[in-house]
mmCIF file of all heavy atoms, coordinates in Angstrom:
data_MODEL
# 
_entry.id   MODEL 
# 
loop_
_atom_site.group_PDB 
_atom_site.id 
_atom_site.type_symbol 
_atom_site.label_atom_id 
_atom_site.label_alt_id 
_atom_site.label_comp_id 
_atom_site.label_asym_id 
_atom_site.label_entity_id 
_atom_site.label_seq_id 
_atom_site.pdbx_PDB_ins_code 
_atom_site.Cartn_x 
_atom_site.Cartn_y 
_atom_site.Cartn_z 
_atom_site.occupancy 
_atom_site.B_iso_or_equiv 
_atom_site.pdbx_formal_charge 
_atom_site.auth_seq_id 
_atom_site.auth_comp_id 
_atom_site.auth_asym_id 
_atom_site.auth_atom_id 
_atom_site.pdbx_PDB_model_num 
ATOM 1   N N   . PRO A 1 1  ? 0.821   -1.211 0.000  1.00 0.00 ? 1  PRO A N   1 
ATOM 2   C CA  . PRO A 1 1  ? 0.000   0.000  0.000  1.00 0.00 ? 1  PRO A CA  1 
ATOM 3   C C   . PRO A 1 1  ? 0.853   1.258  0.000  1.00 0.00 ? 1  PRO A C   1 
ATOM 4   O O   . PRO A 1 1  ? 2.036   1.244  0.359  1.00 0.00 ? 1  PRO A O   1 
ATOM 5   C CB  . PRO A 1 1  ? -0.786  -0.126 1.302  1.00 0.00 ? 1  PRO A CB  1 
ATOM 6   C CG  . PRO A 1 1  ? 0.164   -0.852 2.206  1.00 0.00 ? 1  PRO A CG  1 
ATOM 7   C CD  . PRO A 1 1  ? 0.918   -1.809 1.326  1.00 0.00 ? 1  PRO A CD  1 
ATOM 8   N N   . ASP A 1 2  ? 0.214   2.335  -0.413 1.00 0.00 ? 2  ASP A N   1 
ATOM 9   C CA  . ASP A 1 2  ? 0.782   3.664  -0.223 1.00 0.00 ? 2  ASP A CA  1 
ATOM 10  C C   . ASP A 1 2  ? 0.207   4.250  1.061  1.00 0.00 ? 2  ASP A C   1 
ATOM 11  O O   . ASP A 1 2  ? -0.995  4.129  1.323  1.00 0.00 ? 2  ASP A O   1 
ATOM 12  C CB  . ASP A 1 2  ? 0.437   4.575  -1.407 1.00 0.00 ? 2  ASP A CB  1 
ATOM 13  C CG  . ASP A 1 2  ? 1.223   4.210  -2.654 1.00 0.00 ? 2  ASP A CG  1 
ATOM 14  O OD1 . ASP A 1 2  ? 2.335   3.671  -2.495 1.00 0.00 ? 2  ASP A OD1 1 
ATOM 15  O OD2 . ASP A 1 2  ? 0.724   4.455  -3.767 1.00 0.00 ? 2  ASP A OD2 1 
ATOM 16  N N   . PHE A 1 3  ? 1.041   4.884  1.857  1.00 0.00 ? 3  PHE A N   1 
ATOM 17  C CA  . PHE A 1 3  ? 0.594   5.489  3.109  1.00 0.00 ? 3  PHE A CA  1 
ATOM 18  C C   . PHE A 1 3  ? 0.371   6.982  2.875  1.00 0.00 ? 3  PHE A C   1 
ATOM 19  O O   . PHE A 1 3  ? 1.290   7.714  2.495  1.00 0.00 ? 3  PHE A O   1 
ATOM 20  C CB  . PHE A 1 3  ? 1.625   5.258  4.216  1.00 0.00 ? 3  PHE A CB  1 
ATOM 21  C CG  . PHE A 1 3  ? 1.730   3.807  4.607  1.00 0.00 ? 3  PHE A CG  1 
ATOM 22  C CD1 . PHE A 1 3  ? 2.703   2.986  4.033  1.00 0.00 ? 3  PHE A CD1 1 
ATOM 23  C CD2 . PHE A 1 3  ? 0.852   3.263  5.525  1.00 0.00 ? 3  PHE A CD2 1 
ATOM 24  C CE1 . PHE A 1 3  ? 2.803   1.651  4.401  1.00 0.00 ? 3  PHE A CE1 1 
ATOM 25  C CE2 . PHE A 1 3  ? 0.955   1.930  5.888  1.00 0.00 ? 3  PHE A CE2 1 
ATOM 26  C CZ  . PHE A 1 3  ? 1.915   1.121  5.332  1.00 0.00 ? 3  PHE A CZ  1 
ATOM 27  N N   . VAL A 1 4  ? -0.854  7.413  3.096  1.00 0.00 ? 4  VAL A N   1 
ATOM 28  C CA  . VAL A 1 4  ? -1.266  8.783  2.821  1.00 0.00 ? 4  VAL A CA  1 
ATOM 29  C C   . VAL A 1 4  ? -1.749  9.425  4.117  1.00 0.00 ? 4  VAL A C   1 
ATOM 30  O O   . VAL A 1 4  ? -2.459  8.790  4.910  1.00 0.00 ? 4  VAL A O   1 
ATOM 31  C CB  . VAL A 1 4  ? -2.396  8.817  1.767  1.00 0.00 ? 4  VAL A CB  1 
ATOM 32  C CG1 . VAL A 1 4  ? -2.815  10.255 1.478  1.00 0.00 ? 4  VAL A CG1 1 
ATOM 33  C CG2 . VAL A 1 4  ? -1.954  8.119  0.498  1.00 0.00 ? 4  VAL A CG2 1 
ATOM 34  N N   . GLU A 1 5  ? -1.345  10.678 4.338  1.00 0.00 ? 5  GLU A N   1 
ATOM 35  C CA  . GLU A 1 5  ? -1.787  11.419 5.517  1.00 0.00 ? 5  GLU A CA  1 
ATOM 36  C C   . GLU A 1 5  ? -3.109  12.119 5.232  1.00 0.00 ? 5  GLU A C   1 
ATOM 37  O O   . GLU A 1 5  ? -3.233  12.846 4.240  1.00 0.00 ? 5  GLU A O   1 
ATOM 38  C CB  . GLU A 1 5  ? -0.731  12.438 5.952  1.00 0.00 ? 5  GLU A CB  1 
ATOM 39  C CG  . GLU A 1 5  ? 0.502   11.817 6.585  1.00 0.00 ? 5  GLU A CG  1 
ATOM 40  C CD  . GLU A 1 5  ? 1.413   12.859 7.202  1.00 0.00 ? 5  GLU A CD  1 
ATOM 41  O OE1 . GLU A 1 5  ? 1.153   14.064 6.961  1.00 0.00 ? 5  GLU A OE1 1 
ATOM 42  O OE2 . GLU A 1 5  ? 2.359   12.489 7.904  1.00 0.00 ? 5  GLU A OE2 1 
ATOM 43  N N   . ARG A 1 6  ? -4.073  11.888 6.115  1.00 0.00 ? 6  ARG A N   1 
ATOM 44  C CA  . ARG A 1 6  ? -5.375  12.516 6.000  1.00 0.00 ? 6  ARG A CA  1 
ATOM 45  C C   . ARG A 1 6  ? -5.528  13.537 7.128  1.00 0.00 ? 6  ARG A C   1 
ATOM 46  O O   . ARG A 1 6  ? -5.270  13.237 8.293  1.00 0.00 ? 6  ARG A O   1 
ATOM 47  C CB  . ARG A 1 6  ? -6.492  11.483 6.097  1.00 0.00 ? 6  ARG A CB  1 
ATOM 48  C CG  . ARG A 1 6  ? -6.381  10.342 5.080  1.00 0.00 ? 6  ARG A CG  1 
ATOM 49  C CD  . ARG A 1 6  ? -6.701  10.793 3.679  1.00 0.00 ? 6  ARG A CD  1 
ATOM 50  N NE  . ARG A 1 6  ? -6.784  9.646  2.769  1.00 0.00 ? 6  ARG A NE  1 
ATOM 51  C CZ  . ARG A 1 6  ? -6.941  9.758  1.464  1.00 0.00 ? 6  ARG A CZ  1 
ATOM 52  N NH1 . ARG A 1 6  ? -7.033  10.962 0.908  1.00 0.00 ? 6  ARG A NH1 1 
ATOM 53  N NH2 . ARG A 1 6  ? -7.002  8.673  0.696  1.00 0.00 ? 6  ARG A NH2 1 
ATOM 54  N N   . THR A 1 7  ? -5.960  14.740 6.796  1.00 0.00 ? 7  THR A N   1 
ATOM 55  C CA  . THR A 1 7  ? -6.143  15.807 7.778  1.00 0.00 ? 7  THR A CA  1 
ATOM 56  C C   . THR A 1 7  ? -7.618  16.138 7.896  1.00 0.00 ? 7  THR A C   1 
ATOM 57  O O   . THR A 1 7  ? -8.287  16.383 6.888  1.00 0.00 ? 7  THR A O   1 
ATOM 58  C CB  . THR A 1 7  ? -5.357  17.065 7.387  1.00 0.00 ? 7  THR A CB  1 
ATOM 59  O OG1 . THR A 1 7  ? -3.961  16.736 7.278  1.00 0.00 ? 7  THR A OG1 1 
ATOM 60  C CG2 . THR A 1 7  ? -5.526  18.153 8.429  1.00 0.00 ? 7  THR A CG2 1 
ATOM 61  N N   . THR A 1 8  ? -8.116  16.134 9.119  1.00 0.00 ? 8  THR A N   1 
ATOM 62  C CA  . THR A 1 8  ? -9.499  16.508 9.387  1.00 0.00 ? 8  THR A CA  1 
ATOM 63  C C   . THR A 1 8  ? -9.533  17.594 10.455 1.00 0.00 ? 8  THR A C   1 
ATOM 64  O O   . THR A 1 8  ? -8.574  17.761 11.224 1.00 0.00 ? 8  THR A O   1 
ATOM 65  C CB  . THR A 1 8  ? -10.308 15.293 9.870  1.00 0.00 ? 8  THR A CB  1 
ATOM 66  O OG1 . THR A 1 8  ? -9.696  14.767 11.065 1.00 0.00 ? 8  THR A OG1 1 
ATOM 67  C CG2 . THR A 1 8  ? -10.359 14.208 8.808  1.00 0.00 ? 8  THR A CG2 1 
ATOM 68  N N   . PHE A 1 9  ? -10.624 18.319 10.505 1.00 0.00 ? 9  PHE A N   1 
ATOM 69  C CA  . PHE A 1 9  ? -10.791 19.407 11.465 1.00 0.00 ? 9  PHE A CA  1 
ATOM 70  C C   . PHE A 1 9  ? -12.075 19.192 12.262 1.00 0.00 ? 9  PHE A C   1 
ATOM 71  O O   . PHE A 1 9  ? -13.116 18.856 11.697 1.00 0.00 ? 9  PHE A O   1 
ATOM 72  C CB  . PHE A 1 9  ? -10.837 20.766 10.758 1.00 0.00 ? 9  PHE A CB  1 
ATOM 73  C CG  . PHE A 1 9  ? -9.543  21.158 10.105 1.00 0.00 ? 9  PHE A CG  1 
ATOM 74  C CD1 . PHE A 1 9  ? -9.295  20.835 8.776  1.00 0.00 ? 9  PHE A CD1 1 
ATOM 75  C CD2 . PHE A 1 9  ? -8.568  21.825 10.810 1.00 0.00 ? 9  PHE A CD2 1 
ATOM 76  C CE1 . PHE A 1 9  ? -8.105  21.195 8.165  1.00 0.00 ? 9  PHE A CE1 1 
ATOM 77  C CE2 . PHE A 1 9  ? -7.368  22.177 10.210 1.00 0.00 ? 9  PHE A CE2 1 
ATOM 78  C CZ  . PHE A 1 9  ? -7.135  21.870 8.887  1.00 0.00 ? 9  PHE A CZ  1 
ATOM 79  N N   . GLU A 1 10 ? -11.953 19.366 13.574 1.00 0.00 ? 10 GLU A N   1 
ATOM 80  C CA  . GLU A 1 10 ? -13.106 19.307 14.459 1.00 0.00 ? 10 GLU A CA  1 
ATOM 81  C C   . GLU A 1 10 ? -13.235 20.634 15.193 1.00 0.00 ? 10 GLU A C   1 
ATOM 82  O O   . GLU A 1 10 ? -12.239 21.324 15.422 1.00 0.00 ? 10 GLU A O   1 
ATOM 83  C CB  . GLU A 1 10 ? -12.961 18.157 15.462 1.00 0.00 ? 10 GLU A CB  1 
ATOM 84  C CG  . GLU A 1 10 ? -12.896 16.784 14.821 1.00 0.00 ? 10 GLU A CG  1 
ATOM 85  C CD  . GLU A 1 10 ? -12.713 15.682 15.856 1.00 0.00 ? 10 GLU A CD  1 
ATOM 86  O OE1 . GLU A 1 10 ? -12.630 16.024 17.064 1.00 0.00 ? 10 GLU A OE1 1 
ATOM 87  O OE2 . GLU A 1 10 ? -12.668 14.506 15.474 1.00 0.00 ? 10 GLU A OE2 1 
ATOM 88  N N   . ARG A 1 11 ? -14.469 20.984 15.583 1.00 0.00 ? 11 ARG A N   1 
ATOM 89  C CA  . ARG A 1 11 ? -14.720 22.264 16.241 1.00 0.00 ? 11 ARG A CA  1 
ATOM 90  C C   . ARG A 1 11 ? -15.544 22.050 17.524 1.00 0.00 ? 11 ARG A C   1 
ATOM 91  O O   . ARG A 1 11 ? -16.733 22.338 17.559 1.00 0.00 ? 11 ARG A O   1 
ATOM 92  C CB  . ARG A 1 11 ? -15.433 23.236 15.301 1.00 0.00 ? 11 ARG A CB  1 
ATOM 93  C CG  . ARG A 1 11 ? -14.532 23.763 14.190 1.00 0.00 ? 11 ARG A CG  1 
ATOM 94  C CD  . ARG A 1 11 ? -15.084 25.030 13.587 1.00 0.00 ? 11 ARG A CD  1 
ATOM 95  N NE  . ARG A 1 11 ? -14.139 25.673 12.690 1.00 0.00 ? 11 ARG A NE  1 
ATOM 96  C CZ  . ARG A 1 11 ? -14.310 26.883 12.158 1.00 0.00 ? 11 ARG A CZ  1 
ATOM 97  N NH1 . ARG A 1 11 ? -15.412 27.566 12.425 1.00 0.00 ? 11 ARG A NH1 1 
ATOM 98  N NH2 . ARG A 1 11 ? -13.392 27.404 11.362 1.00 0.00 ? 11 ARG A NH2 1 
ATOM 99  N N   . PRO A 1 12 ? -14.899 21.538 18.578 1.00 0.00 ? 12 PRO A N   1 
ATOM 100 C CA  . PRO A 1 12 ? -15.615 21.427 19.863 1.00 0.00 ? 12 PRO A CA  1 
ATOM 101 C C   . PRO A 1 12 ? -15.744 22.791 20.538 1.00 0.00 ? 12 PRO A C   1 
ATOM 102 O O   . PRO A 1 12 ? -15.028 23.746 20.195 1.00 0.00 ? 12 PRO A O   1 
ATOM 103 C CB  . PRO A 1 12 ? -14.732 20.485 20.672 1.00 0.00 ? 12 PRO A CB  1 
ATOM 104 C CG  . PRO A 1 12 ? -13.355 20.717 20.118 1.00 0.00 ? 12 PRO A CG  1 
ATOM 105 C CD  . PRO A 1 12 ? -13.537 21.001 18.652 1.00 0.00 ? 12 PRO A CD  1 
ATOM 106 N N   . THR A 1 13 ? -16.646 22.891 21.496 1.00 0.00 ? 13 THR A N   1 
ATOM 107 C CA  . THR A 1 13 ? -16.901 24.138 22.206 1.00 0.00 ? 13 THR A CA  1 
ATOM 108 C C   . THR A 1 13 ? -16.661 23.943 23.698 1.00 0.00 ? 13 THR A C   1 
ATOM 109 O O   . THR A 1 13 ? -17.203 23.008 24.300 1.00 0.00 ? 13 THR A O   1 
ATOM 110 C CB  . THR A 1 13 ? -18.329 24.637 21.968 1.00 0.00 ? 13 THR A CB  1 
ATOM 111 O OG1 . THR A 1 13 ? -18.532 24.854 20.571 1.00 0.00 ? 13 THR A OG1 1 
ATOM 112 C CG2 . THR A 1 13 ? -18.576 25.947 22.706 1.00 0.00 ? 13 THR A CG2 1 
ATOM 113 N N   . LEU A 1 14 ? -15.848 24.822 24.266 1.00 0.00 ? 14 LEU A N   1 
ATOM 114 C CA  . LEU A 1 14 ? -15.621 24.837 25.712 1.00 0.00 ? 14 LEU A CA  1 
ATOM 115 C C   . LEU A 1 14 ? -16.624 25.793 26.342 1.00 0.00 ? 14 LEU A C   1 
ATOM 116 O O   . LEU A 1 14 ? -16.737 26.948 25.927 1.00 0.00 ? 14 LEU A O   1 
ATOM 117 C CB  . LEU A 1 14 ? -14.194 25.289 26.030 1.00 0.00 ? 14 LEU A CB  1 
ATOM 118 C CG  . LEU A 1 14 ? -13.916 25.650 27.494 1.00 0.00 ? 14 LEU A CG  1 
ATOM 119 C CD1 . LEU A 1 14 ? -13.945 24.400 28.370 1.00 0.00 ? 14 LEU A CD1 1 
ATOM 120 C CD2 . LEU A 1 14 ? -12.583 26.372 27.636 1.00 0.00 ? 14 LEU A CD2 1 
ATOM 121 N N   . ILE A 1 15 ? -17.342 25.318 27.354 1.00 0.00 ? 15 ILE A N   1 
ATOM 122 C CA  . ILE A 1 15 ? -18.266 26.161 28.108 1.00 0.00 ? 15 ILE A CA  1 
ATOM 123 C C   . ILE A 1 15 ? -17.750 26.243 29.542 1.00 0.00 ? 15 ILE A C   1 
ATOM 124 O O   . ILE A 1 15 ? -17.713 25.234 30.260 1.00 0.00 ? 15 ILE A O   1 
ATOM 125 C CB  . ILE A 1 15 ? -19.702 25.597 28.072 1.00 0.00 ? 15 ILE A CB  1 
ATOM 126 C CG1 . ILE A 1 15 ? -20.204 25.536 26.628 1.00 0.00 ? 15 ILE A CG1 1 
ATOM 127 C CG2 . ILE A 1 15 ? -20.626 26.455 28.924 1.00 0.00 ? 15 ILE A CG2 1 
ATOM 128 C CD1 . ILE A 1 15 ? -21.593 24.965 26.494 1.00 0.00 ? 15 ILE A CD1 1 
ATOM 129 N N   . LEU A 1 16 ? -17.336 27.429 29.947 1.00 0.00 ? 16 LEU A N   1 
ATOM 130 C CA  . LEU A 1 16 ? -16.761 27.648 31.270 1.00 0.00 ? 16 LEU A CA  1 
ATOM 131 C C   . LEU A 1 16 ? -17.751 28.444 32.120 1.00 0.00 ? 16 LEU A C   1 
ATOM 132 O O   . LEU A 1 16 ? -17.959 29.637 31.883 1.00 0.00 ? 16 LEU A O   1 
ATOM 133 C CB  . LEU A 1 16 ? -15.434 28.400 31.151 1.00 0.00 ? 16 LEU A CB  1 
ATOM 134 C CG  . LEU A 1 16 ? -14.683 28.709 32.446 1.00 0.00 ? 16 LEU A CG  1 
ATOM 135 C CD1 . LEU A 1 16 ? -14.279 27.419 33.141 1.00 0.00 ? 16 LEU A CD1 1 
ATOM 136 C CD2 . LEU A 1 16 ? -13.455 29.566 32.174 1.00 0.00 ? 16 LEU A CD2 1 
ATOM 137 N N   . PRO A 1 17 ? -18.390 27.818 33.124 1.00 0.00 ? 17 PRO A N   1 
ATOM 138 C CA  . PRO A 1 17 ? -19.326 28.547 33.994 1.00 0.00 ? 17 PRO A CA  1 
ATOM 139 C C   . PRO A 1 17 ? -18.559 29.504 34.914 1.00 0.00 ? 17 PRO A C   1 
ATOM 140 O O   . PRO A 1 17 ? -17.866 29.074 35.834 1.00 0.00 ? 17 PRO A O   1 
ATOM 141 C CB  . PRO A 1 17 ? -20.032 27.445 34.785 1.00 0.00 ? 17 PRO A CB  1 
ATOM 142 C CG  . PRO A 1 17 ? -19.641 26.155 34.117 1.00 0.00 ? 17 PRO A CG  1 
ATOM 143 C CD  . PRO A 1 17 ? -18.329 26.399 33.462 1.00 0.00 ? 17 PRO A CD  1 
ATOM 144 N N   . LEU A 1 18 ? -18.678 30.788 34.688 1.00 0.00 ? 18 LEU A N   1 
ATOM 145 C CA  . LEU A 1 18 ? -17.911 31.768 35.448 1.00 0.00 ? 18 LEU A CA  1 
ATOM 146 C C   . LEU A 1 18 ? -18.284 31.815 36.929 1.00 0.00 ? 18 LEU A C   1 
ATOM 147 O O   . LEU A 1 18 ? -17.401 32.024 37.771 1.00 0.00 ? 18 LEU A O   1 
ATOM 148 C CB  . LEU A 1 18 ? -18.076 33.147 34.806 1.00 0.00 ? 18 LEU A CB  1 
ATOM 149 C CG  . LEU A 1 18 ? -17.528 33.257 33.371 1.00 0.00 ? 18 LEU A CG  1 
ATOM 150 C CD1 . LEU A 1 18 ? -17.853 34.608 32.772 1.00 0.00 ? 18 LEU A CD1 1 
ATOM 151 C CD2 . LEU A 1 18 ? -16.027 33.004 33.346 1.00 0.00 ? 18 LEU A CD2 1 
ATOM 152 N N   . PRO A 1 19 ? -19.560 31.613 37.324 1.00 0.00 ? 19 PRO A N   1 
ATOM 153 C CA  . PRO A 1 19 ? -19.858 31.620 38.771 1.00 0.00 ? 19 PRO A CA  1 
ATOM 154 C C   . PRO A 1 19 ? -19.224 30.465 39.535 1.00 0.00 ? 19 PRO A C   1 
ATOM 155 O O   . PRO A 1 19 ? -19.135 30.514 40.760 1.00 0.00 ? 19 PRO A O   1 
ATOM 156 C CB  . PRO A 1 19 ? -21.389 31.520 38.809 1.00 0.00 ? 19 PRO A CB  1 
ATOM 157 C CG  . PRO A 1 19 ? -21.843 32.026 37.491 1.00 0.00 ? 19 PRO A CG  1 
ATOM 158 C CD  . PRO A 1 19 ? -20.785 31.593 36.529 1.00 0.00 ? 19 PRO A CD  1 
ATOM 159 N N   . GLU A 1 20 ? -18.778 29.418 38.839 1.00 0.00 ? 20 GLU A N   1 
ATOM 160 C CA  . GLU A 1 20 ? -18.192 28.258 39.510 1.00 0.00 ? 20 GLU A CA  1 
ATOM 161 C C   . GLU A 1 20 ? -16.670 28.324 39.608 1.00 0.00 ? 20 GLU A C   1 
ATOM 162 O O   . GLU A 1 20 ? -16.049 27.407 40.149 1.00 0.00 ? 20 GLU A O   1 
ATOM 163 C CB  . GLU A 1 20 ? -18.591 26.981 38.766 1.00 0.00 ? 20 GLU A CB  1 
ATOM 164 C CG  . GLU A 1 20 ? -20.089 26.703 38.767 1.00 0.00 ? 20 GLU A CG  1 
ATOM 165 C CD  . GLU A 1 20 ? -20.431 25.409 38.072 1.00 0.00 ? 20 GLU A CD  1 
ATOM 166 O OE1 . GLU A 1 20 ? -19.493 24.698 37.659 1.00 0.00 ? 20 GLU A OE1 1 
ATOM 167 O OE2 . GLU A 1 20 ? -21.629 25.103 37.923 1.00 0.00 ? 20 GLU A OE2 1 
ATOM 168 N N   . VAL A 1 21 ? -16.065 29.386 39.082 1.00 0.00 ? 21 VAL A N   1 
ATOM 169 C CA  . VAL A 1 21 ? -14.606 29.498 39.129 1.00 0.00 ? 21 VAL A CA  1 
ATOM 170 C C   . VAL A 1 21 ? -14.167 29.736 40.569 1.00 0.00 ? 21 VAL A C   1 
ATOM 171 O O   . VAL A 1 21 ? -14.619 30.674 41.226 1.00 0.00 ? 21 VAL A O   1 
ATOM 172 C CB  . VAL A 1 21 ? -14.118 30.633 38.213 1.00 0.00 ? 21 VAL A CB  1 
ATOM 173 C CG1 . VAL A 1 21 ? -12.617 30.846 38.384 1.00 0.00 ? 21 VAL A CG1 1 
ATOM 174 C CG2 . VAL A 1 21 ? -14.438 30.315 36.761 1.00 0.00 ? 21 VAL A CG2 1 
ATOM 175 N N   . GLU A 1 22 ? -13.300 28.888 41.059 1.00 0.00 ? 22 GLU A N   1 
ATOM 176 C CA  . GLU A 1 22 ? -12.801 28.994 42.426 1.00 0.00 ? 22 GLU A CA  1 
ATOM 177 C C   . GLU A 1 22 ? -11.381 29.531 42.483 1.00 0.00 ? 22 GLU A C   1 
ATOM 178 O O   . GLU A 1 22 ? -11.057 30.338 43.353 1.00 0.00 ? 22 GLU A O   1 
ATOM 179 C CB  . GLU A 1 22 ? -12.855 27.632 43.122 1.00 0.00 ? 22 GLU A CB  1 
ATOM 180 C CG  . GLU A 1 22 ? -14.267 27.117 43.358 1.00 0.00 ? 22 GLU A CG  1 
ATOM 181 C CD  . GLU A 1 22 ? -14.281 25.802 44.102 1.00 0.00 ? 22 GLU A CD  1 
ATOM 182 O OE1 . GLU A 1 22 ? -13.199 25.174 44.211 1.00 0.00 ? 22 GLU A OE1 1 
ATOM 183 O OE2 . GLU A 1 22 ? -15.355 25.394 44.577 1.00 0.00 ? 22 GLU A OE2 1 
ATOM 184 N N   . ARG A 1 23 ? -10.525 29.077 41.551 1.00 0.00 ? 23 ARG A N   1 
ATOM 185 C CA  . ARG A 1 23 ? -9.125  29.497 41.585 1.00 0.00 ? 23 ARG A CA  1 
ATOM 186 C C   . ARG A 1 23 ? -8.595  29.603 40.160 1.00 0.00 ? 23 ARG A C   1 
ATOM 187 O O   . ARG A 1 23 ? -9.014  28.852 39.274 1.00 0.00 ? 23 ARG A O   1 
ATOM 188 C CB  . ARG A 1 23 ? -8.270  28.490 42.379 1.00 0.00 ? 23 ARG A CB  1 
ATOM 189 C CG  . ARG A 1 23 ? -8.770  28.223 43.767 1.00 0.00 ? 23 ARG A CG  1 
ATOM 190 C CD  . ARG A 1 23 ? -8.076  27.034 44.397 1.00 0.00 ? 23 ARG A CD  1 
ATOM 191 N NE  . ARG A 1 23 ? -6.717  27.345 44.823 1.00 0.00 ? 23 ARG A NE  1 
ATOM 192 C CZ  . ARG A 1 23 ? -5.853  26.440 45.258 1.00 0.00 ? 23 ARG A CZ  1 
ATOM 193 N NH1 . ARG A 1 23 ? -6.202  25.168 45.288 1.00 0.00 ? 23 ARG A NH1 1 
ATOM 194 N NH2 . ARG A 1 23 ? -4.643  26.796 45.635 1.00 0.00 ? 23 ARG A NH2 1 
ATOM 195 N N   . VAL A 1 24 ? -7.653  30.522 39.972 1.00 0.00 ? 24 VAL A N   1 
ATOM 196 C CA  . VAL A 1 24 ? -6.914  30.653 38.721 1.00 0.00 ? 24 VAL A CA  1 
ATOM 197 C C   . VAL A 1 24 ? -5.436  30.503 39.081 1.00 0.00 ? 24 VAL A C   1 
ATOM 198 O O   . VAL A 1 24 ? -4.882  31.325 39.818 1.00 0.00 ? 24 VAL A O   1 
ATOM 199 C CB  . VAL A 1 24 ? -7.178  31.999 38.028 1.00 0.00 ? 24 VAL A CB  1 
ATOM 200 C CG1 . VAL A 1 24 ? -6.341  32.124 36.763 1.00 0.00 ? 24 VAL A CG1 1 
ATOM 201 C CG2 . VAL A 1 24 ? -8.669  32.141 37.687 1.00 0.00 ? 24 VAL A CG2 1 
ATOM 202 N N   . LEU A 1 25 ? -4.805  29.446 38.562 1.00 0.00 ? 25 LEU A N   1 
ATOM 203 C CA  . LEU A 1 25 ? -3.434  29.107 38.925 1.00 0.00 ? 25 LEU A CA  1 
ATOM 204 C C   . LEU A 1 25 ? -2.540  29.135 37.699 1.00 0.00 ? 25 LEU A C   1 
ATOM 205 O O   . LEU A 1 25 ? -2.991  28.920 36.573 1.00 0.00 ? 25 LEU A O   1 
ATOM 206 C CB  . LEU A 1 25 ? -3.387  27.714 39.565 1.00 0.00 ? 25 LEU A CB  1 
ATOM 207 C CG  . LEU A 1 25 ? -4.391  27.435 40.693 1.00 0.00 ? 25 LEU A CG  1 
ATOM 208 C CD1 . LEU A 1 25 ? -4.291  25.990 41.142 1.00 0.00 ? 25 LEU A CD1 1 
ATOM 209 C CD2 . LEU A 1 25 ? -4.172  28.377 41.856 1.00 0.00 ? 25 LEU A CD2 1 
ATOM 210 N N   . LEU A 1 26 ? -1.261  29.390 37.934 1.00 0.00 ? 26 LEU A N   1 
ATOM 211 C CA  . LEU A 1 26 ? -0.260  29.402 36.868 1.00 0.00 ? 26 LEU A CA  1 
ATOM 212 C C   . LEU A 1 26 ? 0.731   28.276 37.107 1.00 0.00 ? 26 LEU A C   1 
ATOM 213 O O   . LEU A 1 26 ? 1.167   28.050 38.249 1.00 0.00 ? 26 LEU A O   1 
ATOM 214 C CB  . LEU A 1 26 ? 0.477   30.737 36.822 1.00 0.00 ? 26 LEU A CB  1 
ATOM 215 C CG  . LEU A 1 26 ? -0.099  31.830 35.916 1.00 0.00 ? 26 LEU A CG  1 
ATOM 216 C CD1 . LEU A 1 26 ? -1.526  32.155 36.311 1.00 0.00 ? 26 LEU A CD1 1 
ATOM 217 C CD2 . LEU A 1 26 ? 0.764   33.083 35.960 1.00 0.00 ? 26 LEU A CD2 1 
ATOM 218 N N   . TYR A 1 27 ? 1.099   27.590 36.012 1.00 0.00 ? 27 TYR A N   1 
ATOM 219 C CA  . TYR A 1 27 ? 2.050   26.489 36.082 1.00 0.00 ? 27 TYR A CA  1 
ATOM 220 C C   . TYR A 1 27 ? 3.043   26.601 34.934 1.00 0.00 ? 27 TYR A C   1 
ATOM 221 O O   . TYR A 1 27 ? 2.761   27.220 33.895 1.00 0.00 ? 27 TYR A O   1 
ATOM 222 C CB  . TYR A 1 27 ? 1.336   25.129 35.993 1.00 0.00 ? 27 TYR A CB  1 
ATOM 223 C CG  . TYR A 1 27 ? 0.605   24.725 37.246 1.00 0.00 ? 27 TYR A CG  1 
ATOM 224 C CD1 . TYR A 1 27 ? -0.698  25.136 37.467 1.00 0.00 ? 27 TYR A CD1 1 
ATOM 225 C CD2 . TYR A 1 27 ? 1.216   23.932 38.213 1.00 0.00 ? 27 TYR A CD2 1 
ATOM 226 C CE1 . TYR A 1 27 ? -1.376  24.772 38.620 1.00 0.00 ? 27 TYR A CE1 1 
ATOM 227 C CE2 . TYR A 1 27 ? 0.546   23.562 39.368 1.00 0.00 ? 27 TYR A CE2 1 
ATOM 228 C CZ  . TYR A 1 27 ? -0.748  23.992 39.565 1.00 0.00 ? 27 TYR A CZ  1 
ATOM 229 O OH  . TYR A 1 27 ? -1.417  23.634 40.704 1.00 0.00 ? 27 TYR A OH  1 
ATOM 230 N N   . GLU A 1 28 ? 4.187   26.007 35.142 1.00 0.00 ? 28 GLU A N   1 
ATOM 231 C CA  . GLU A 1 28 ? 5.160   25.855 34.075 1.00 0.00 ? 28 GLU A CA  1 
ATOM 232 C C   . GLU A 1 28 ? 4.814   24.626 33.262 1.00 0.00 ? 28 GLU A C   1 
ATOM 233 O O   . GLU A 1 28 ? 4.360   23.622 33.827 1.00 0.00 ? 28 GLU A O   1 
ATOM 234 C CB  . GLU A 1 28 ? 6.584   25.708 34.654 1.00 0.00 ? 28 GLU A CB  1 
ATOM 235 C CG  . GLU A 1 28 ? 7.091   26.936 35.365 1.00 0.00 ? 28 GLU A CG  1 
ATOM 236 C CD  . GLU A 1 28 ? 7.501   28.055 34.417 1.00 0.00 ? 28 GLU A CD  1 
ATOM 237 O OE1 . GLU A 1 28 ? 7.301   27.892 33.189 1.00 0.00 ? 28 GLU A OE1 1 
ATOM 238 O OE2 . GLU A 1 28 ? 8.008   29.076 34.896 1.00 0.00 ? 28 GLU A OE2 1 
ATOM 239 N N   . PRO A 1 29 ? 5.005   24.601 31.946 1.00 0.00 ? 29 PRO A N   1 
ATOM 240 C CA  . PRO A 1 29 ? 5.479   25.725 31.137 1.00 0.00 ? 29 PRO A CA  1 
ATOM 241 C C   . PRO A 1 29 ? 4.300   26.479 30.522 1.00 0.00 ? 29 PRO A C   1 
ATOM 242 O O   . PRO A 1 29 ? 3.634   25.969 29.627 1.00 0.00 ? 29 PRO A O   1 
ATOM 243 C CB  . PRO A 1 29 ? 6.326   25.044 30.053 1.00 0.00 ? 29 PRO A CB  1 
ATOM 244 C CG  . PRO A 1 29 ? 5.660   23.712 29.868 1.00 0.00 ? 29 PRO A CG  1 
ATOM 245 C CD  . PRO A 1 29 ? 4.998   23.348 31.172 1.00 0.00 ? 29 PRO A CD  1 
# 
């Protein structure tokens, strides 16, 4: 066989409930 690269795109949605945010932390990297 010939090996061919196939590229697809997905578009999921992140829903972040702002009243439930407890902490915002920073990490490396």
